[in-house]
Amino acid sequence: MMTSVAASSLDLRYDLHQDRLVLTARTVATGMDMYLTRRLTRALLSGLLDLLMRTSDLVARSGPDHRGDVLLFEHMDAVNRVTACNVSPSTVAPALAAQLQAQTPRLLDRIDVTITRGMVRLSFLVEAGEQAWLSLPRELVHQFVNMLLKKCQEAGWNLDELAWVDRRGQIVLPEGTRPC
């Protein structure tokens, strides 16, 4: 029976040799590395964005043509707010860093996403069962999505169907509108 770890933080990096993301679930005393494939990452991002879309009161009150834009504004606000709060990467004790370097990441089979009392629980599962889990408020789900998108971009994984989330630097005119 595999033990399940209640993580207090997540780190994400790209492994060029494996062409996979390495997700590290950390507690105060330990860390656990898990591989995310491109296919699983795509499914996770799509699922999280769909969940954020379906559970937003503001999106629900918006017209169908504007729901993506409303979610994009919520996403930008959440990412900027978390960044403004000086959230910094966790520092890893040298002994823990050596332990993490020595372990072989486990390949994730699936990630279950559930909502309980307004918190999104991410359960990371390998073949033997739950490996680690973490509960996040909505704002930090946006931060996690942002982390995933940045690492996918670094990896050169063209997830074009999710490109709308990264339109922060664009002004998009509605179809049929002509510039002055």
N, C-alpha and C. Protein backbone atom coordinates (compact mmCIF):
# COMPACT_ATOMS: atom_id res chain seq x y z
N MET A 1 0.83 -1.18 0.00
CA MET A 1 0.00 0.00 0.00
C MET A 1 0.88 1.25 0.00
N MET A 2 0.63 2.14 -0.91
CA MET A 2 1.40 3.36 -1.04
C MET A 2 0.86 4.43 -0.09
N THR A 3 1.78 5.19 0.48
CA THR A 3 1.34 6.27 1.35
C THR A 3 0.98 7.49 0.52
N SER A 4 0.02 8.24 1.02
CA SER A 4 -0.43 9.44 0.36
C SER A 4 0.09 10.64 1.15
N VAL A 5 0.65 11.61 0.45
CA VAL A 5 1.24 12.77 1.08
C VAL A 5 0.33 13.98 0.88
N ALA A 6 0.03 14.67 1.96
CA ALA A 6 -0.71 15.93 1.88
C ALA A 6 0.32 17.03 1.66
N ALA A 7 0.44 17.49 0.43
CA ALA A 7 1.46 18.47 0.07
C ALA A 7 1.08 19.86 0.58
N SER A 8 2.09 20.64 0.91
CA SER A 8 1.86 22.03 1.30
C SER A 8 2.29 23.00 0.19
N SER A 9 3.03 22.48 -0.79
CA SER A 9 3.42 23.30 -1.94
C SER A 9 3.74 22.40 -3.13
N LEU A 10 3.71 23.01 -4.31
CA LEU A 10 4.05 22.31 -5.54
C LEU A 10 5.12 23.10 -6.27
N ASP A 11 6.10 22.40 -6.80
CA ASP A 11 7.11 22.99 -7.66
C ASP A 11 6.98 22.32 -9.02
N LEU A 12 7.39 23.02 -10.06
CA LEU A 12 7.25 22.49 -11.41
C LEU A 12 8.50 22.84 -12.20
N ARG A 13 9.05 21.86 -12.90
CA ARG A 13 10.18 22.11 -13.77
C ARG A 13 10.06 21.20 -15.00
N TYR A 14 10.84 21.49 -16.02
CA TYR A 14 10.80 20.72 -17.25
C TYR A 14 12.04 19.85 -17.32
N ASP A 15 11.87 18.56 -17.63
CA ASP A 15 12.96 17.63 -17.82
C ASP A 15 13.13 17.42 -19.32
N LEU A 16 14.18 18.02 -19.88
CA LEU A 16 14.42 17.97 -21.32
C LEU A 16 14.65 16.54 -21.81
N HIS A 17 15.39 15.73 -21.05
CA HIS A 17 15.71 14.37 -21.49
C HIS A 17 14.47 13.49 -21.58
N GLN A 18 13.54 13.68 -20.66
CA GLN A 18 12.32 12.88 -20.66
C GLN A 18 11.19 13.55 -21.44
N ASP A 19 11.35 14.82 -21.80
CA ASP A 19 10.31 15.64 -22.42
C ASP A 19 9.03 15.55 -21.60
N ARG A 20 9.20 15.76 -20.30
CA ARG A 20 8.07 15.73 -19.36
C ARG A 20 8.26 16.84 -18.33
N LEU A 21 7.13 17.26 -17.77
CA LEU A 21 7.20 18.17 -16.63
C LEU A 21 7.41 17.33 -15.38
N VAL A 22 8.17 17.85 -14.45
CA VAL A 22 8.37 17.19 -13.16
C VAL A 22 7.65 18.03 -12.12
N LEU A 23 6.64 17.46 -11.52
CA LEU A 23 5.86 18.11 -10.48
C LEU A 23 6.35 17.58 -9.15
N THR A 24 6.79 18.47 -8.27
CA THR A 24 7.26 18.06 -6.96
C THR A 24 6.24 18.51 -5.92
N ALA A 25 5.66 17.53 -5.23
CA ALA A 25 4.74 17.80 -4.13
C ALA A 25 5.58 17.82 -2.86
N ARG A 26 5.55 18.93 -2.15
CA ARG A 26 6.40 19.09 -0.96
C ARG A 26 5.57 19.17 0.32
N THR A 27 6.17 18.60 1.36
CA THR A 27 5.71 18.83 2.72
C THR A 27 6.88 19.51 3.41
N VAL A 28 6.77 19.78 4.70
CA VAL A 28 7.88 20.39 5.42
C VAL A 28 9.09 19.46 5.43
N ALA A 29 8.85 18.15 5.53
CA ALA A 29 9.94 17.20 5.72
C ALA A 29 10.38 16.48 4.45
N THR A 30 9.56 16.44 3.42
CA THR A 30 9.90 15.61 2.27
C THR A 30 9.34 16.20 0.98
N GLY A 31 9.71 15.60 -0.09
CA GLY A 31 9.20 15.97 -1.40
C GLY A 31 9.06 14.73 -2.25
N MET A 32 8.16 14.80 -3.21
CA MET A 32 7.90 13.66 -4.06
C MET A 32 7.81 14.14 -5.50
N ASP A 33 8.69 13.62 -6.38
CA ASP A 33 8.70 14.00 -7.78
C ASP A 33 7.80 13.09 -8.59
N MET A 34 7.03 13.71 -9.50
CA MET A 34 6.12 12.96 -10.36
C MET A 34 6.21 13.53 -11.77
N TYR A 35 6.26 12.63 -12.77
CA TYR A 35 6.29 13.06 -14.17
C TYR A 35 4.89 13.33 -14.68
N LEU A 36 4.76 14.45 -15.40
CA LEU A 36 3.54 14.78 -16.12
C LEU A 36 3.84 14.73 -17.62
N THR A 37 3.14 13.91 -18.34
CA THR A 37 3.31 13.86 -19.78
C THR A 37 2.59 15.04 -20.43
N ARG A 38 2.89 15.27 -21.69
CA ARG A 38 2.22 16.35 -22.42
C ARG A 38 0.71 16.08 -22.49
N ARG A 39 0.33 14.84 -22.76
CA ARG A 39 -1.09 14.48 -22.87
C ARG A 39 -1.82 14.72 -21.55
N LEU A 40 -1.22 14.29 -20.45
CA LEU A 40 -1.86 14.48 -19.14
C LEU A 40 -1.91 15.97 -18.77
N THR A 41 -0.86 16.70 -19.10
CA THR A 41 -0.83 18.14 -18.82
C THR A 41 -1.92 18.86 -19.60
N ARG A 42 -2.08 18.49 -20.88
CA ARG A 42 -3.13 19.09 -21.71
C ARG A 42 -4.51 18.82 -21.10
N ALA A 43 -4.74 17.58 -20.69
CA ALA A 43 -6.03 17.22 -20.09
C ALA A 43 -6.24 17.95 -18.77
N LEU A 44 -5.20 18.07 -17.96
CA LEU A 44 -5.31 18.77 -16.68
C LEU A 44 -5.63 20.25 -16.90
N LEU A 45 -4.92 20.89 -17.80
CA LEU A 45 -5.17 22.30 -18.07
C LEU A 45 -6.59 22.51 -18.60
N SER A 46 -7.00 21.68 -19.54
CA SER A 46 -8.36 21.80 -20.09
C SER A 46 -9.40 21.61 -18.99
N GLY A 47 -9.18 20.60 -18.15
CA GLY A 47 -10.12 20.33 -17.05
C GLY A 47 -10.18 21.46 -16.04
N LEU A 48 -9.02 22.00 -15.67
CA LEU A 48 -9.00 23.10 -14.69
C LEU A 48 -9.66 24.36 -15.26
N LEU A 49 -9.38 24.67 -16.52
CA LEU A 49 -9.99 25.85 -17.12
C LEU A 49 -11.50 25.68 -17.27
N ASP A 50 -11.93 24.47 -17.60
CA ASP A 50 -13.37 24.19 -17.68
C ASP A 50 -14.02 24.33 -16.31
N LEU A 51 -13.35 23.80 -15.29
CA LEU A 51 -13.86 23.90 -13.92
C LEU A 51 -13.96 25.37 -13.49
N LEU A 52 -12.92 26.16 -13.77
CA LEU A 52 -12.94 27.58 -13.42
C LEU A 52 -14.07 28.30 -14.15
N MET A 53 -14.30 27.92 -15.40
CA MET A 53 -15.38 28.53 -16.19
C MET A 53 -16.75 28.18 -15.59
N ARG A 54 -16.94 26.91 -15.26
CA ARG A 54 -18.25 26.45 -14.77
C ARG A 54 -18.57 26.93 -13.36
N THR A 55 -17.56 27.26 -12.57
CA THR A 55 -17.80 27.60 -11.17
C THR A 55 -17.69 29.09 -10.87
N SER A 56 -17.59 29.90 -11.89
CA SER A 56 -17.47 31.35 -11.68
C SER A 56 -18.84 32.01 -11.77
N ASP A 57 -19.22 32.72 -10.71
CA ASP A 57 -20.48 33.48 -10.73
C ASP A 57 -20.44 34.58 -11.78
N LEU A 58 -19.29 35.23 -11.89
CA LEU A 58 -19.15 36.32 -12.85
C LEU A 58 -19.27 35.82 -14.29
N VAL A 59 -18.65 34.69 -14.57
CA VAL A 59 -18.74 34.09 -15.91
C VAL A 59 -20.19 33.70 -16.19
N ALA A 60 -20.87 33.13 -15.20
CA ALA A 60 -22.26 32.70 -15.38
C ALA A 60 -23.17 33.88 -15.72
N ARG A 61 -22.87 35.06 -15.19
CA ARG A 61 -23.70 36.24 -15.46
C ARG A 61 -23.35 36.91 -16.78
N SER A 62 -22.27 36.47 -17.42
CA SER A 62 -21.83 37.07 -18.68
C SER A 62 -22.52 36.42 -19.86
N GLY A 63 -22.57 37.15 -20.94
CA GLY A 63 -23.12 36.60 -22.18
C GLY A 63 -22.20 35.52 -22.72
N PRO A 64 -22.74 34.57 -23.48
CA PRO A 64 -21.95 33.46 -24.00
C PRO A 64 -20.72 33.90 -24.80
N ASP A 65 -20.82 35.01 -25.51
CA ASP A 65 -19.69 35.48 -26.32
C ASP A 65 -18.56 36.07 -25.49
N HIS A 66 -18.83 36.38 -24.23
CA HIS A 66 -17.84 37.08 -23.41
C HIS A 66 -17.30 36.24 -22.26
N ARG A 67 -17.76 35.02 -22.12
CA ARG A 67 -17.36 34.20 -20.96
C ARG A 67 -15.85 33.95 -20.92
N GLY A 68 -15.26 33.66 -22.07
CA GLY A 68 -13.82 33.44 -22.12
C GLY A 68 -13.04 34.67 -21.69
N ASP A 69 -13.50 35.83 -22.14
CA ASP A 69 -12.83 37.08 -21.77
C ASP A 69 -12.97 37.37 -20.28
N VAL A 70 -14.14 37.10 -19.72
CA VAL A 70 -14.35 37.32 -18.29
C VAL A 70 -13.43 36.41 -17.48
N LEU A 71 -13.34 35.14 -17.90
CA LEU A 71 -12.44 34.22 -17.19
C LEU A 71 -10.99 34.67 -17.36
N LEU A 72 -10.62 35.17 -18.52
CA LEU A 72 -9.27 35.67 -18.74
C LEU A 72 -8.96 36.83 -17.80
N PHE A 73 -9.91 37.76 -17.63
CA PHE A 73 -9.69 38.88 -16.69
C PHE A 73 -9.55 38.36 -15.26
N GLU A 74 -10.38 37.39 -14.88
CA GLU A 74 -10.26 36.79 -13.54
C GLU A 74 -8.89 36.14 -13.38
N HIS A 75 -8.46 35.43 -14.40
CA HIS A 75 -7.16 34.74 -14.37
C HIS A 75 -6.02 35.75 -14.21
N MET A 76 -6.04 36.81 -15.03
CA MET A 76 -4.99 37.83 -14.94
C MET A 76 -4.97 38.49 -13.57
N ASP A 77 -6.15 38.80 -13.04
CA ASP A 77 -6.25 39.42 -11.73
C ASP A 77 -5.68 38.50 -10.64
N ALA A 78 -6.06 37.22 -10.69
CA ALA A 78 -5.58 36.27 -9.68
C ALA A 78 -4.08 36.08 -9.75
N VAL A 79 -3.54 35.95 -10.95
CA VAL A 79 -2.09 35.76 -11.11
C VAL A 79 -1.34 37.01 -10.65
N ASN A 80 -1.84 38.19 -11.02
CA ASN A 80 -1.18 39.43 -10.60
C ASN A 80 -1.28 39.64 -9.09
N ARG A 81 -2.41 39.27 -8.50
CA ARG A 81 -2.58 39.44 -7.06
C ARG A 81 -1.64 38.52 -6.29
N VAL A 82 -1.52 37.29 -6.72
CA VAL A 82 -0.62 36.35 -6.04
C VAL A 82 0.82 36.80 -6.21
N THR A 83 1.19 37.26 -7.40
CA THR A 83 2.54 37.76 -7.64
C THR A 83 2.81 38.99 -6.80
N ALA A 84 1.83 39.87 -6.68
CA ALA A 84 1.99 41.09 -5.89
C ALA A 84 2.15 40.80 -4.40
N CYS A 85 1.66 39.64 -3.95
CA CYS A 85 1.78 39.27 -2.54
C CYS A 85 3.15 38.68 -2.24
N ASN A 86 4.08 38.79 -3.21
CA ASN A 86 5.44 38.30 -3.04
C ASN A 86 5.50 36.81 -2.72
N VAL A 87 4.71 36.04 -3.40
CA VAL A 87 4.81 34.60 -3.25
C VAL A 87 6.08 34.18 -3.95
N SER A 88 6.98 33.56 -3.20
CA SER A 88 8.25 33.17 -3.79
C SER A 88 8.37 31.65 -3.76
N PRO A 89 9.20 31.10 -4.65
CA PRO A 89 9.39 29.66 -4.65
C PRO A 89 9.90 29.18 -3.30
N SER A 90 9.48 27.98 -2.92
CA SER A 90 9.90 27.46 -1.63
C SER A 90 11.40 27.18 -1.65
N THR A 91 12.03 27.42 -0.52
CA THR A 91 13.44 27.09 -0.42
C THR A 91 13.56 25.68 0.12
N VAL A 92 14.43 24.92 -0.47
CA VAL A 92 14.58 23.52 -0.12
C VAL A 92 15.88 23.35 0.66
N ALA A 93 15.77 22.68 1.82
CA ALA A 93 16.96 22.41 2.62
C ALA A 93 17.92 21.55 1.80
N PRO A 94 19.24 21.73 1.97
CA PRO A 94 20.21 20.96 1.18
C PRO A 94 20.00 19.45 1.26
N ALA A 95 19.69 18.92 2.45
CA ALA A 95 19.48 17.48 2.58
C ALA A 95 18.27 17.02 1.77
N LEU A 96 17.19 17.82 1.80
CA LEU A 96 16.00 17.48 1.04
C LEU A 96 16.27 17.58 -0.46
N ALA A 97 17.04 18.58 -0.88
CA ALA A 97 17.39 18.73 -2.29
C ALA A 97 18.16 17.50 -2.78
N ALA A 98 19.10 17.01 -1.97
CA ALA A 98 19.87 15.82 -2.34
C ALA A 98 18.97 14.60 -2.44
N GLN A 99 18.02 14.48 -1.49
CA GLN A 99 17.08 13.35 -1.51
C GLN A 99 16.23 13.38 -2.78
N LEU A 100 15.76 14.56 -3.16
CA LEU A 100 14.93 14.70 -4.36
C LEU A 100 15.72 14.39 -5.62
N GLN A 101 16.99 14.78 -5.66
CA GLN A 101 17.83 14.50 -6.82
C GLN A 101 18.05 12.99 -6.98
N ALA A 102 18.11 12.27 -5.86
CA ALA A 102 18.39 10.83 -5.89
C ALA A 102 17.18 10.00 -6.28
N GLN A 103 15.99 10.49 -6.03
CA GLN A 103 14.79 9.69 -6.32
C GLN A 103 14.41 9.77 -7.79
N THR A 104 13.81 8.71 -8.28
CA THR A 104 13.31 8.70 -9.64
C THR A 104 11.85 9.13 -9.61
N PRO A 105 11.50 10.13 -10.41
CA PRO A 105 10.10 10.55 -10.42
C PRO A 105 9.18 9.41 -10.84
N ARG A 106 7.99 9.38 -10.28
CA ARG A 106 6.99 8.39 -10.66
C ARG A 106 6.14 8.98 -11.77
N LEU A 107 5.75 8.15 -12.71
CA LEU A 107 4.91 8.59 -13.81
C LEU A 107 3.46 8.66 -13.35
N LEU A 108 2.87 9.85 -13.43
CA LEU A 108 1.47 10.01 -13.03
C LEU A 108 0.56 9.37 -14.07
N ASP A 109 -0.41 8.59 -13.58
CA ASP A 109 -1.41 7.98 -14.46
C ASP A 109 -2.59 8.92 -14.66
N ARG A 110 -2.96 9.62 -13.60
CA ARG A 110 -4.09 10.54 -13.71
C ARG A 110 -4.05 11.52 -12.54
N ILE A 111 -4.85 12.57 -12.73
CA ILE A 111 -5.00 13.58 -11.69
C ILE A 111 -6.49 13.79 -11.51
N ASP A 112 -6.98 13.53 -10.32
CA ASP A 112 -8.39 13.75 -10.03
C ASP A 112 -8.56 15.16 -9.47
N VAL A 113 -9.59 15.83 -9.94
CA VAL A 113 -9.89 17.18 -9.48
C VAL A 113 -11.29 17.17 -8.89
N THR A 114 -11.40 17.57 -7.62
CA THR A 114 -12.71 17.63 -6.96
C THR A 114 -12.82 18.97 -6.23
N ILE A 115 -14.06 19.37 -5.98
CA ILE A 115 -14.29 20.61 -5.24
C ILE A 115 -15.01 20.27 -3.94
N THR A 116 -14.46 20.76 -2.84
CA THR A 116 -15.06 20.57 -1.53
C THR A 116 -14.99 21.88 -0.78
N ARG A 117 -16.15 22.38 -0.37
CA ARG A 117 -16.23 23.63 0.40
C ARG A 117 -15.42 24.77 -0.23
N GLY A 118 -15.56 24.92 -1.53
CA GLY A 118 -14.91 26.01 -2.23
C GLY A 118 -13.43 25.80 -2.52
N MET A 119 -12.88 24.69 -2.12
CA MET A 119 -11.47 24.39 -2.38
C MET A 119 -11.37 23.34 -3.48
N VAL A 120 -10.38 23.49 -4.34
CA VAL A 120 -10.14 22.52 -5.41
C VAL A 120 -9.06 21.57 -4.92
N ARG A 121 -9.42 20.29 -4.87
CA ARG A 121 -8.46 19.26 -4.45
C ARG A 121 -7.89 18.58 -5.68
N LEU A 122 -6.57 18.62 -5.77
CA LEU A 122 -5.85 17.92 -6.83
C LEU A 122 -5.25 16.66 -6.22
N SER A 123 -5.66 15.50 -6.73
CA SER A 123 -5.12 14.22 -6.26
C SER A 123 -4.28 13.63 -7.37
N PHE A 124 -3.01 13.46 -7.10
CA PHE A 124 -2.05 12.96 -8.09
C PHE A 124 -1.91 11.45 -7.88
N LEU A 125 -2.25 10.67 -8.92
CA LEU A 125 -2.30 9.22 -8.78
C LEU A 125 -1.35 8.50 -9.73
N VAL A 126 -0.67 7.52 -9.18
CA VAL A 126 0.13 6.59 -9.96
C VAL A 126 -0.62 5.27 -9.98
N GLU A 127 -0.08 4.28 -10.66
CA GLU A 127 -0.76 3.00 -10.80
C GLU A 127 -1.18 2.39 -9.46
N ALA A 128 -0.36 2.56 -8.43
CA ALA A 128 -0.65 1.95 -7.13
C ALA A 128 -1.65 2.73 -6.30
N GLY A 129 -2.06 3.91 -6.72
CA GLY A 129 -3.02 4.69 -5.95
C GLY A 129 -2.57 6.13 -5.78
N GLU A 130 -3.25 6.83 -4.86
CA GLU A 130 -2.95 8.24 -4.65
C GLU A 130 -1.53 8.41 -4.13
N GLN A 131 -0.80 9.28 -4.78
CA GLN A 131 0.58 9.57 -4.41
C GLN A 131 0.66 10.80 -3.51
N ALA A 132 -0.05 11.86 -3.93
CA ALA A 132 -0.04 13.11 -3.18
C ALA A 132 -1.31 13.87 -3.52
N TRP A 133 -1.65 14.81 -2.64
CA TRP A 133 -2.81 15.66 -2.90
C TRP A 133 -2.57 17.03 -2.30
N LEU A 134 -3.32 18.00 -2.82
CA LEU A 134 -3.20 19.37 -2.36
C LEU A 134 -4.53 20.05 -2.61
N SER A 135 -5.01 20.83 -1.64
CA SER A 135 -6.23 21.61 -1.81
C SER A 135 -5.85 23.08 -1.98
N LEU A 136 -6.46 23.71 -3.00
CA LEU A 136 -6.15 25.09 -3.34
C LEU A 136 -7.41 25.94 -3.42
N PRO A 137 -7.35 27.18 -2.97
CA PRO A 137 -8.46 28.10 -3.24
C PRO A 137 -8.41 28.49 -4.72
N ARG A 138 -9.51 29.00 -5.21
CA ARG A 138 -9.66 29.36 -6.63
C ARG A 138 -8.50 30.22 -7.14
N GLU A 139 -8.10 31.21 -6.38
CA GLU A 139 -7.02 32.10 -6.80
C GLU A 139 -5.72 31.34 -7.05
N LEU A 140 -5.41 30.36 -6.21
CA LEU A 140 -4.18 29.60 -6.39
C LEU A 140 -4.32 28.56 -7.51
N VAL A 141 -5.54 28.16 -7.84
CA VAL A 141 -5.74 27.31 -9.01
C VAL A 141 -5.31 28.09 -10.25
N HIS A 142 -5.67 29.37 -10.30
CA HIS A 142 -5.22 30.22 -11.41
C HIS A 142 -3.70 30.28 -11.45
N GLN A 143 -3.07 30.39 -10.29
CA GLN A 143 -1.60 30.43 -10.23
C GLN A 143 -1.01 29.11 -10.74
N PHE A 144 -1.60 27.98 -10.37
CA PHE A 144 -1.13 26.68 -10.83
C PHE A 144 -1.28 26.57 -12.35
N VAL A 145 -2.42 27.02 -12.87
CA VAL A 145 -2.64 27.02 -14.32
C VAL A 145 -1.56 27.87 -15.00
N ASN A 146 -1.27 29.01 -14.43
CA ASN A 146 -0.24 29.89 -14.97
C ASN A 146 1.13 29.20 -14.99
N MET A 147 1.48 28.52 -13.89
CA MET A 147 2.74 27.78 -13.83
C MET A 147 2.80 26.73 -14.92
N LEU A 148 1.71 25.96 -15.07
CA LEU A 148 1.67 24.91 -16.08
C LEU A 148 1.84 25.49 -17.49
N LEU A 149 1.13 26.57 -17.77
CA LEU A 149 1.22 27.19 -19.09
C LEU A 149 2.63 27.69 -19.39
N LYS A 150 3.29 28.29 -18.41
CA LYS A 150 4.65 28.78 -18.61
C LYS A 150 5.62 27.63 -18.89
N LYS A 151 5.49 26.55 -18.13
CA LYS A 151 6.38 25.40 -18.34
C LYS A 151 6.11 24.72 -19.68
N CYS A 152 4.85 24.67 -20.09
CA CYS A 152 4.51 24.10 -21.40
C CYS A 152 5.14 24.94 -22.51
N GLN A 153 5.13 26.25 -22.32
CA GLN A 153 5.73 27.15 -23.30
C GLN A 153 7.25 26.95 -23.34
N GLU A 154 7.88 26.84 -22.16
CA GLU A 154 9.33 26.57 -22.08
C GLU A 154 9.68 25.27 -22.79
N ALA A 155 8.81 24.26 -22.63
CA ALA A 155 9.05 22.95 -23.21
C ALA A 155 8.81 22.92 -24.71
N GLY A 156 8.18 23.96 -25.24
CA GLY A 156 7.87 23.98 -26.65
C GLY A 156 6.67 23.11 -27.00
N TRP A 157 5.84 22.84 -25.99
CA TRP A 157 4.63 22.05 -26.21
C TRP A 157 3.56 23.00 -26.75
N ASN A 158 3.24 22.90 -27.97
CA ASN A 158 2.26 23.79 -28.59
C ASN A 158 0.85 23.36 -28.20
N LEU A 159 0.33 23.95 -27.17
CA LEU A 159 -1.03 23.67 -26.73
C LEU A 159 -1.93 24.79 -27.25
N ASP A 160 -2.06 24.84 -28.56
CA ASP A 160 -2.76 25.95 -29.22
C ASP A 160 -4.19 26.12 -28.73
N GLU A 161 -4.86 25.04 -28.37
CA GLU A 161 -6.25 25.16 -27.93
C GLU A 161 -6.38 25.91 -26.61
N LEU A 162 -5.27 26.09 -25.90
CA LEU A 162 -5.30 26.83 -24.63
C LEU A 162 -4.66 28.21 -24.76
N ALA A 163 -4.36 28.64 -25.98
CA ALA A 163 -3.67 29.91 -26.21
C ALA A 163 -4.49 31.11 -25.76
N TRP A 164 -5.81 31.00 -25.70
CA TRP A 164 -6.65 32.13 -25.30
C TRP A 164 -6.31 32.62 -23.89
N VAL A 165 -5.77 31.75 -23.06
CA VAL A 165 -5.43 32.14 -21.69
C VAL A 165 -4.24 33.08 -21.68
N ASP A 166 -3.43 33.04 -22.73
CA ASP A 166 -2.23 33.86 -22.77
C ASP A 166 -2.38 35.05 -23.71
N ARG A 167 -3.56 35.66 -23.75
CA ARG A 167 -3.80 36.83 -24.60
C ARG A 167 -3.64 38.13 -23.83
N ARG A 168 -2.92 38.12 -22.75
CA ARG A 168 -2.80 39.32 -21.91
C ARG A 168 -2.23 40.50 -22.67
N GLY A 169 -1.34 40.26 -23.63
CA GLY A 169 -0.69 41.35 -24.34
C GLY A 169 -1.39 41.73 -25.63
N GLN A 170 -2.62 41.31 -25.82
CA GLN A 170 -3.32 41.58 -27.07
C GLN A 170 -4.59 42.38 -26.82
N ILE A 171 -4.95 43.13 -27.84
CA ILE A 171 -6.27 43.74 -27.87
C ILE A 171 -6.98 43.07 -29.03
N VAL A 172 -8.07 42.43 -28.76
CA VAL A 172 -8.79 41.69 -29.78
C VAL A 172 -10.09 42.42 -30.08
N LEU A 173 -10.25 42.86 -31.33
CA LEU A 173 -11.46 43.53 -31.75
C LEU A 173 -12.52 42.50 -32.08
N PRO A 174 -13.76 42.74 -31.68
CA PRO A 174 -14.84 41.81 -32.04
C PRO A 174 -14.93 41.69 -33.55
N GLU A 175 -15.34 40.53 -34.01
CA GLU A 175 -15.47 40.28 -35.44
C GLU A 175 -16.43 41.31 -36.06
N GLY A 176 -16.04 41.85 -37.20
CA GLY A 176 -16.88 42.83 -37.88
C GLY A 176 -16.57 44.27 -37.48
N THR A 177 -15.70 44.46 -36.48
CA THR A 177 -15.33 45.80 -36.05
C THR A 177 -14.11 46.24 -36.83
N ARG A 178 -14.13 47.44 -37.32
CA ARG A 178 -13.00 47.96 -38.07
C ARG A 178 -12.27 49.01 -37.25
N PRO A 179 -10.94 48.98 -37.27
CA PRO A 179 -10.18 50.02 -36.57
C PRO A 179 -10.41 51.37 -37.24
N CYS A 180 -10.31 52.43 -36.45
CA CYS A 180 -10.51 53.80 -36.97
C CYS A 180 -9.32 54.24 -37.78
